[in-house]
Amino acid sequence: MKFYLKQPIEAEQFDGSKESAQKLNLFRYRGAWYLETADGSPLVTKNDWILKSDFKWPELVDGESFEKQYATLPVIPKAVADWIEKCKHDGTSVGDMLCSERRPEKMRDWMALTPGTYEFNQKKYTECQNFVARAWLDGYVVEEKHD
């Protein structure tokens, strides 16, 4: 049995446009777009993903396989993102970052309370702890609507 540690990846989706093709270093041949990879030059179609790495060659993944294999980054409130960044800047561990006594009130409320009430929600609290830990480790996107 093999175990793998998933690392953050940098990927960009091809939208079928000439601009996207140029940005992704695709080349055109007989009316279609292709990508030079270590394994040859596969055809690139709209919604395919180009994975970039520290290695010389990019990797091509079709849209359906990409969605199955790679989860999107978690979307978190700005207050949570600010707390994660402050803790990382200060050298705080992920465990201490999740410590209830240390977290700002907005983050505690978001993690532990049922929306619209002041009732503690153990299930939500557990899910949010795991969610915030994943955001710390894998990266995140700040939700568009924030205070």
N, C-alpha and C. Protein backbone atom coordinates (compact mmCIF):
# COMPACT_ATOMS: atom_id res chain seq x y z
N MET A 1 0.84 -1.17 0.00
CA MET A 1 0.00 0.00 0.00
C MET A 1 0.89 1.24 0.00
N LYS A 2 0.51 2.23 -0.79
CA LYS A 2 1.26 3.48 -0.85
C LYS A 2 0.42 4.59 -0.24
N PHE A 3 1.09 5.52 0.43
CA PHE A 3 0.42 6.68 0.99
C PHE A 3 1.03 7.92 0.35
N TYR A 4 0.19 8.89 0.07
CA TYR A 4 0.65 10.11 -0.57
C TYR A 4 0.25 11.31 0.26
N LEU A 5 1.12 12.27 0.33
CA LEU A 5 0.84 13.54 0.96
C LEU A 5 0.53 14.52 -0.16
N LYS A 6 -0.69 15.03 -0.18
CA LYS A 6 -1.05 15.99 -1.23
C LYS A 6 -0.47 17.35 -0.87
N GLN A 7 0.17 17.94 -1.82
CA GLN A 7 0.74 19.26 -1.66
C GLN A 7 -0.10 20.27 -2.43
N PRO A 8 -0.07 21.54 -2.02
CA PRO A 8 -0.78 22.55 -2.81
C PRO A 8 -0.24 22.56 -4.24
N ILE A 9 -1.12 22.80 -5.18
CA ILE A 9 -0.73 22.84 -6.58
C ILE A 9 -1.08 24.19 -7.17
N GLU A 10 -0.44 24.51 -8.26
CA GLU A 10 -0.80 25.70 -9.03
C GLU A 10 -1.37 25.19 -10.34
N ALA A 11 -2.61 25.55 -10.60
CA ALA A 11 -3.27 25.07 -11.81
C ALA A 11 -4.09 26.19 -12.43
N GLU A 12 -4.21 26.13 -13.73
CA GLU A 12 -5.03 27.11 -14.44
C GLU A 12 -5.86 26.39 -15.49
N GLN A 13 -7.12 26.80 -15.58
CA GLN A 13 -8.03 26.16 -16.52
C GLN A 13 -8.01 26.88 -17.87
N PHE A 14 -7.95 26.09 -18.93
CA PHE A 14 -7.98 26.62 -20.29
C PHE A 14 -9.43 26.93 -20.66
N ASP A 15 -9.68 28.18 -21.05
CA ASP A 15 -11.06 28.58 -21.37
C ASP A 15 -11.37 28.55 -22.86
N GLY A 16 -10.42 28.09 -23.67
CA GLY A 16 -10.64 27.98 -25.10
C GLY A 16 -10.24 29.21 -25.90
N SER A 17 -9.90 30.30 -25.21
CA SER A 17 -9.57 31.54 -25.91
C SER A 17 -8.10 31.59 -26.31
N LYS A 18 -7.82 32.45 -27.29
CA LYS A 18 -6.44 32.65 -27.74
C LYS A 18 -5.60 33.24 -26.60
N GLU A 19 -6.20 34.15 -25.82
CA GLU A 19 -5.49 34.78 -24.70
C GLU A 19 -5.10 33.73 -23.66
N SER A 20 -6.02 32.84 -23.35
CA SER A 20 -5.74 31.77 -22.39
C SER A 20 -4.65 30.85 -22.92
N ALA A 21 -4.71 30.53 -24.21
CA ALA A 21 -3.70 29.66 -24.83
C ALA A 21 -2.32 30.29 -24.75
N GLN A 22 -2.25 31.60 -25.01
CA GLN A 22 -0.96 32.29 -24.93
C GLN A 22 -0.43 32.29 -23.51
N LYS A 23 -1.30 32.56 -22.56
CA LYS A 23 -0.90 32.61 -21.15
C LYS A 23 -0.38 31.25 -20.68
N LEU A 24 -0.97 30.17 -21.21
CA LEU A 24 -0.60 28.82 -20.80
C LEU A 24 0.49 28.20 -21.67
N ASN A 25 1.04 28.99 -22.59
CA ASN A 25 2.10 28.53 -23.50
C ASN A 25 1.68 27.35 -24.36
N LEU A 26 0.44 27.39 -24.86
CA LEU A 26 -0.03 26.35 -25.77
C LEU A 26 0.40 26.72 -27.18
N PHE A 27 0.48 25.72 -28.04
CA PHE A 27 0.78 26.03 -29.43
C PHE A 27 -0.34 25.49 -30.31
N ARG A 28 -0.54 26.16 -31.43
CA ARG A 28 -1.64 25.82 -32.34
C ARG A 28 -1.10 24.97 -33.48
N TYR A 29 -1.82 23.92 -33.81
CA TYR A 29 -1.46 23.06 -34.93
C TYR A 29 -2.74 22.53 -35.55
N ARG A 30 -2.92 22.79 -36.83
CA ARG A 30 -4.11 22.34 -37.57
C ARG A 30 -5.41 22.68 -36.85
N GLY A 31 -5.49 23.91 -36.36
CA GLY A 31 -6.72 24.42 -35.77
C GLY A 31 -7.00 23.99 -34.34
N ALA A 32 -6.08 23.29 -33.71
CA ALA A 32 -6.28 22.84 -32.33
C ALA A 32 -5.12 23.32 -31.46
N TRP A 33 -5.34 23.31 -30.14
CA TRP A 33 -4.31 23.73 -29.19
C TRP A 33 -3.65 22.51 -28.57
N TYR A 34 -2.32 22.62 -28.39
CA TYR A 34 -1.53 21.53 -27.81
C TYR A 34 -0.60 22.10 -26.74
N LEU A 35 -0.19 21.23 -25.83
CA LEU A 35 0.71 21.60 -24.74
C LEU A 35 1.94 20.71 -24.80
N GLU A 36 3.09 21.31 -24.76
CA GLU A 36 4.33 20.52 -24.73
C GLU A 36 4.55 20.04 -23.30
N THR A 37 4.58 18.71 -23.13
CA THR A 37 4.80 18.11 -21.81
C THR A 37 5.97 17.14 -21.89
N ALA A 38 6.33 16.56 -20.78
CA ALA A 38 7.42 15.58 -20.75
C ALA A 38 7.04 14.32 -21.53
N ASP A 39 5.74 14.07 -21.67
CA ASP A 39 5.27 12.86 -22.35
C ASP A 39 4.84 13.09 -23.80
N GLY A 40 5.09 14.25 -24.33
CA GLY A 40 4.67 14.55 -25.70
C GLY A 40 3.89 15.85 -25.76
N SER A 41 3.00 15.94 -26.72
CA SER A 41 2.22 17.16 -26.92
C SER A 41 0.73 16.82 -27.05
N PRO A 42 0.05 16.63 -25.93
CA PRO A 42 -1.36 16.25 -25.99
C PRO A 42 -2.25 17.42 -26.42
N LEU A 43 -3.39 17.06 -27.00
CA LEU A 43 -4.41 18.01 -27.38
C LEU A 43 -5.01 18.62 -26.12
N VAL A 44 -5.20 19.94 -26.12
CA VAL A 44 -5.81 20.64 -24.99
C VAL A 44 -7.18 21.13 -25.44
N THR A 45 -8.21 20.80 -24.68
CA THR A 45 -9.56 21.24 -25.00
C THR A 45 -10.07 22.17 -23.91
N LYS A 46 -11.12 22.91 -24.25
CA LYS A 46 -11.72 23.84 -23.30
C LYS A 46 -12.05 23.11 -22.00
N ASN A 47 -11.76 23.75 -20.88
CA ASN A 47 -11.98 23.25 -19.52
C ASN A 47 -10.93 22.26 -19.03
N ASP A 48 -9.91 21.95 -19.83
CA ASP A 48 -8.78 21.17 -19.33
C ASP A 48 -7.98 22.05 -18.38
N TRP A 49 -7.23 21.42 -17.51
CA TRP A 49 -6.40 22.13 -16.54
C TRP A 49 -4.93 21.89 -16.83
N ILE A 50 -4.13 22.94 -16.69
CA ILE A 50 -2.68 22.87 -16.82
C ILE A 50 -2.11 23.00 -15.41
N LEU A 51 -1.42 21.96 -14.95
CA LEU A 51 -0.79 21.98 -13.63
C LEU A 51 0.65 22.41 -13.79
N LYS A 52 1.03 23.41 -13.00
CA LYS A 52 2.41 23.90 -13.04
C LYS A 52 3.14 23.33 -11.83
N SER A 53 4.42 23.10 -12.00
CA SER A 53 5.19 22.55 -10.89
C SER A 53 6.59 23.16 -10.90
N ASP A 54 7.40 22.71 -9.95
CA ASP A 54 8.78 23.16 -9.89
C ASP A 54 9.62 22.53 -11.00
N PHE A 55 9.07 21.50 -11.62
CA PHE A 55 9.77 20.83 -12.70
C PHE A 55 9.58 21.61 -14.00
N LYS A 56 10.36 21.27 -15.00
CA LYS A 56 10.32 22.01 -16.26
C LYS A 56 8.99 21.86 -16.98
N TRP A 57 8.39 20.68 -16.94
CA TRP A 57 7.23 20.38 -17.77
C TRP A 57 5.92 20.53 -17.02
N PRO A 58 4.94 21.16 -17.65
CA PRO A 58 3.60 21.20 -17.06
C PRO A 58 2.88 19.87 -17.27
N GLU A 59 1.77 19.69 -16.60
CA GLU A 59 0.97 18.47 -16.74
C GLU A 59 -0.44 18.85 -17.16
N LEU A 60 -1.02 18.07 -18.05
CA LEU A 60 -2.38 18.31 -18.53
C LEU A 60 -3.34 17.35 -17.85
N VAL A 61 -4.44 17.89 -17.31
CA VAL A 61 -5.47 17.07 -16.67
C VAL A 61 -6.83 17.52 -17.20
N ASP A 62 -7.65 16.55 -17.62
CA ASP A 62 -8.97 16.94 -18.13
C ASP A 62 -9.83 17.45 -16.97
N GLY A 63 -10.82 18.27 -17.30
CA GLY A 63 -11.64 18.94 -16.29
C GLY A 63 -12.30 18.00 -15.30
N GLU A 64 -12.88 16.91 -15.78
CA GLU A 64 -13.58 15.97 -14.89
C GLU A 64 -12.61 15.30 -13.91
N SER A 65 -11.46 14.87 -14.41
CA SER A 65 -10.46 14.24 -13.53
C SER A 65 -9.92 15.23 -12.51
N PHE A 66 -9.72 16.48 -12.95
CA PHE A 66 -9.23 17.51 -12.04
C PHE A 66 -10.20 17.71 -10.88
N GLU A 67 -11.49 17.83 -11.20
CA GLU A 67 -12.49 18.05 -10.16
C GLU A 67 -12.54 16.89 -9.17
N LYS A 68 -12.34 15.66 -9.64
CA LYS A 68 -12.36 14.49 -8.76
C LYS A 68 -11.11 14.43 -7.89
N GLN A 69 -9.96 14.80 -8.46
CA GLN A 69 -8.70 14.62 -7.76
C GLN A 69 -8.33 15.78 -6.84
N TYR A 70 -8.70 16.99 -7.23
CA TYR A 70 -8.27 18.16 -6.47
C TYR A 70 -9.47 18.92 -5.94
N ALA A 71 -9.53 19.06 -4.64
CA ALA A 71 -10.60 19.86 -4.04
C ALA A 71 -10.25 21.33 -4.18
N THR A 72 -11.26 22.16 -4.23
CA THR A 72 -11.01 23.59 -4.29
C THR A 72 -10.60 24.09 -2.91
N LEU A 73 -9.98 25.23 -2.86
CA LEU A 73 -9.57 25.81 -1.58
C LEU A 73 -10.80 26.21 -0.78
N PRO A 74 -10.72 26.08 0.55
CA PRO A 74 -11.85 26.48 1.37
C PRO A 74 -12.07 28.00 1.31
N VAL A 75 -13.34 28.40 1.36
CA VAL A 75 -13.70 29.82 1.38
C VAL A 75 -14.04 30.17 2.82
N ILE A 76 -13.32 31.16 3.36
CA ILE A 76 -13.49 31.51 4.77
C ILE A 76 -13.78 33.00 4.93
N PRO A 77 -14.42 33.37 6.06
CA PRO A 77 -14.66 34.79 6.33
C PRO A 77 -13.34 35.55 6.52
N LYS A 78 -13.38 36.85 6.26
CA LYS A 78 -12.19 37.69 6.38
C LYS A 78 -11.61 37.65 7.80
N ALA A 79 -12.47 37.63 8.81
CA ALA A 79 -12.00 37.59 10.20
C ALA A 79 -11.17 36.34 10.47
N VAL A 80 -11.57 35.23 9.88
CA VAL A 80 -10.83 33.97 10.05
C VAL A 80 -9.49 34.05 9.31
N ALA A 81 -9.52 34.58 8.08
CA ALA A 81 -8.28 34.74 7.31
C ALA A 81 -7.30 35.66 8.04
N ASP A 82 -7.82 36.76 8.60
CA ASP A 82 -6.95 37.69 9.35
C ASP A 82 -6.31 36.99 10.54
N TRP A 83 -7.08 36.15 11.25
CA TRP A 83 -6.55 35.43 12.41
C TRP A 83 -5.48 34.42 11.98
N ILE A 84 -5.73 33.69 10.91
CA ILE A 84 -4.74 32.74 10.41
C ILE A 84 -3.44 33.46 10.08
N GLU A 85 -3.54 34.56 9.36
CA GLU A 85 -2.33 35.31 8.95
C GLU A 85 -1.60 35.89 10.16
N LYS A 86 -2.34 36.40 11.14
CA LYS A 86 -1.70 36.94 12.34
C LYS A 86 -0.94 35.83 13.08
N CYS A 87 -1.59 34.67 13.22
CA CYS A 87 -0.94 33.55 13.92
C CYS A 87 0.30 33.07 13.18
N LYS A 88 0.21 32.96 11.86
CA LYS A 88 1.38 32.54 11.08
C LYS A 88 2.50 33.56 11.23
N HIS A 89 2.15 34.84 11.17
CA HIS A 89 3.15 35.91 11.30
C HIS A 89 3.83 35.87 12.67
N ASP A 90 3.03 35.59 13.71
CA ASP A 90 3.55 35.58 15.08
C ASP A 90 4.24 34.27 15.47
N GLY A 91 4.22 33.27 14.58
CA GLY A 91 4.84 31.98 14.88
C GLY A 91 3.98 31.09 15.77
N THR A 92 2.69 31.34 15.79
CA THR A 92 1.76 30.53 16.58
C THR A 92 1.51 29.20 15.87
N SER A 93 1.40 28.12 16.62
CA SER A 93 1.13 26.81 16.00
C SER A 93 -0.33 26.72 15.58
N VAL A 94 -0.62 25.77 14.70
CA VAL A 94 -2.01 25.57 14.27
C VAL A 94 -2.88 25.16 15.45
N GLY A 95 -2.34 24.38 16.38
CA GLY A 95 -3.10 23.98 17.57
C GLY A 95 -3.46 25.17 18.43
N ASP A 96 -2.48 26.05 18.68
CA ASP A 96 -2.75 27.25 19.48
C ASP A 96 -3.68 28.21 18.75
N MET A 97 -3.58 28.25 17.42
CA MET A 97 -4.46 29.11 16.63
C MET A 97 -5.92 28.70 16.83
N LEU A 98 -6.16 27.40 17.00
CA LEU A 98 -7.53 26.90 17.18
C LEU A 98 -8.01 26.97 18.63
N CYS A 99 -7.13 27.29 19.56
CA CYS A 99 -7.47 27.35 20.98
C CYS A 99 -8.57 28.39 21.21
N SER A 100 -9.66 27.95 21.82
CA SER A 100 -10.84 28.80 21.99
C SER A 100 -10.56 30.10 22.74
N GLU A 101 -9.72 30.04 23.77
CA GLU A 101 -9.45 31.23 24.58
C GLU A 101 -8.67 32.29 23.81
N ARG A 102 -7.93 31.88 22.80
CA ARG A 102 -7.08 32.82 22.07
C ARG A 102 -7.78 33.45 20.87
N ARG A 103 -8.78 32.76 20.33
CA ARG A 103 -9.42 33.22 19.10
C ARG A 103 -10.21 34.50 19.32
N PRO A 104 -10.24 35.38 18.30
CA PRO A 104 -11.08 36.58 18.39
C PRO A 104 -12.57 36.19 18.47
N GLU A 105 -13.36 37.06 19.05
CA GLU A 105 -14.78 36.77 19.27
C GLU A 105 -15.53 36.45 17.97
N LYS A 106 -15.28 37.20 16.90
CA LYS A 106 -15.97 36.94 15.63
C LYS A 106 -15.67 35.53 15.12
N MET A 107 -14.44 35.10 15.30
CA MET A 107 -14.07 33.76 14.84
C MET A 107 -14.72 32.71 15.73
N ARG A 108 -14.72 32.93 17.04
CA ARG A 108 -15.37 31.97 17.96
C ARG A 108 -16.84 31.82 17.62
N ASP A 109 -17.51 32.95 17.40
CA ASP A 109 -18.94 32.91 17.07
C ASP A 109 -19.17 32.17 15.75
N TRP A 110 -18.38 32.47 14.74
CA TRP A 110 -18.52 31.82 13.43
C TRP A 110 -18.33 30.31 13.55
N MET A 111 -17.37 29.90 14.36
CA MET A 111 -17.05 28.48 14.48
C MET A 111 -18.06 27.71 15.33
N ALA A 112 -18.60 28.33 16.36
CA ALA A 112 -19.31 27.55 17.38
C ALA A 112 -20.81 27.79 17.49
N LEU A 113 -21.31 28.91 16.99
CA LEU A 113 -22.72 29.22 17.22
C LEU A 113 -23.59 28.90 16.01
N THR A 114 -24.81 28.46 16.30
CA THR A 114 -25.80 28.27 15.25
C THR A 114 -26.16 29.65 14.71
N PRO A 115 -26.11 29.86 13.39
CA PRO A 115 -26.41 31.19 12.83
C PRO A 115 -27.75 31.73 13.32
N GLY A 116 -27.75 33.01 13.72
CA GLY A 116 -28.96 33.67 14.19
C GLY A 116 -29.31 33.41 15.64
N THR A 117 -28.48 32.63 16.33
CA THR A 117 -28.74 32.32 17.74
C THR A 117 -27.43 32.44 18.52
N TYR A 118 -27.54 32.26 19.82
CA TYR A 118 -26.33 32.19 20.64
C TYR A 118 -26.15 30.77 21.17
N GLU A 119 -26.69 29.79 20.44
CA GLU A 119 -26.61 28.40 20.87
C GLU A 119 -25.33 27.76 20.35
N PHE A 120 -24.61 27.10 21.27
CA PHE A 120 -23.41 26.38 20.88
C PHE A 120 -23.81 25.18 20.04
N ASN A 121 -23.09 24.96 18.95
CA ASN A 121 -23.38 23.87 18.03
C ASN A 121 -22.13 23.01 17.91
N GLN A 122 -22.09 21.89 18.64
CA GLN A 122 -20.90 21.04 18.70
C GLN A 122 -20.51 20.51 17.32
N LYS A 123 -21.50 20.09 16.53
CA LYS A 123 -21.21 19.55 15.21
C LYS A 123 -20.55 20.62 14.32
N LYS A 124 -21.13 21.81 14.32
CA LYS A 124 -20.57 22.91 13.52
C LYS A 124 -19.16 23.26 14.02
N TYR A 125 -18.99 23.29 15.33
CA TYR A 125 -17.70 23.62 15.92
C TYR A 125 -16.61 22.65 15.46
N THR A 126 -16.92 21.35 15.52
CA THR A 126 -15.96 20.33 15.08
C THR A 126 -15.65 20.48 13.60
N GLU A 127 -16.68 20.66 12.78
CA GLU A 127 -16.48 20.83 11.34
C GLU A 127 -15.63 22.07 11.04
N CYS A 128 -15.92 23.17 11.74
CA CYS A 128 -15.16 24.41 11.50
C CYS A 128 -13.71 24.28 11.95
N GLN A 129 -13.45 23.57 13.04
CA GLN A 129 -12.07 23.35 13.46
C GLN A 129 -11.29 22.64 12.35
N ASN A 130 -11.87 21.57 11.81
CA ASN A 130 -11.21 20.84 10.73
C ASN A 130 -11.06 21.71 9.49
N PHE A 131 -12.08 22.47 9.18
CA PHE A 131 -12.09 23.36 8.02
C PHE A 131 -10.99 24.42 8.13
N VAL A 132 -10.87 25.05 9.30
CA VAL A 132 -9.86 26.09 9.52
C VAL A 132 -8.45 25.47 9.50
N ALA A 133 -8.30 24.29 10.05
CA ALA A 133 -6.99 23.62 10.00
C ALA A 133 -6.59 23.34 8.55
N ARG A 134 -7.54 22.90 7.71
CA ARG A 134 -7.27 22.66 6.28
C ARG A 134 -6.90 23.98 5.60
N ALA A 135 -7.60 25.05 5.95
CA ALA A 135 -7.30 26.36 5.36
C ALA A 135 -5.88 26.78 5.73
N TRP A 136 -5.50 26.56 6.98
CA TRP A 136 -4.14 26.88 7.45
C TRP A 136 -3.11 26.11 6.63
N LEU A 137 -3.34 24.82 6.43
CA LEU A 137 -2.37 23.95 5.77
C LEU A 137 -2.36 24.08 4.25
N ASP A 138 -3.54 24.17 3.64
CA ASP A 138 -3.63 24.10 2.17
C ASP A 138 -3.80 25.45 1.50
N GLY A 139 -4.18 26.47 2.26
CA GLY A 139 -4.50 27.76 1.67
C GLY A 139 -6.00 27.95 1.66
N TYR A 140 -6.44 29.14 1.28
CA TYR A 140 -7.86 29.46 1.35
C TYR A 140 -8.17 30.63 0.42
N VAL A 141 -9.45 30.88 0.28
CA VAL A 141 -9.96 32.04 -0.44
C VAL A 141 -10.84 32.79 0.54
N VAL A 142 -10.71 34.12 0.59
CA VAL A 142 -11.56 34.92 1.48
C VAL A 142 -12.90 35.13 0.79
N GLU A 143 -13.99 34.88 1.53
CA GLU A 143 -15.31 35.05 0.93
C GLU A 143 -15.50 36.50 0.49
N GLU A 144 -16.22 36.68 -0.60
CA GLU A 144 -16.39 38.01 -1.18
C GLU A 144 -17.17 38.93 -0.26
N LYS A 145 -18.24 38.42 0.34
CA LYS A 145 -19.05 39.23 1.23
C LYS A 145 -18.48 39.13 2.64
N HIS A 146 -17.96 40.24 3.13
CA HIS A 146 -17.45 40.24 4.51
C HIS A 146 -17.68 41.60 5.11
N ASP A 147 -17.52 41.68 6.45
CA ASP A 147 -17.77 42.95 7.14
C ASP A 147 -16.61 43.90 7.04
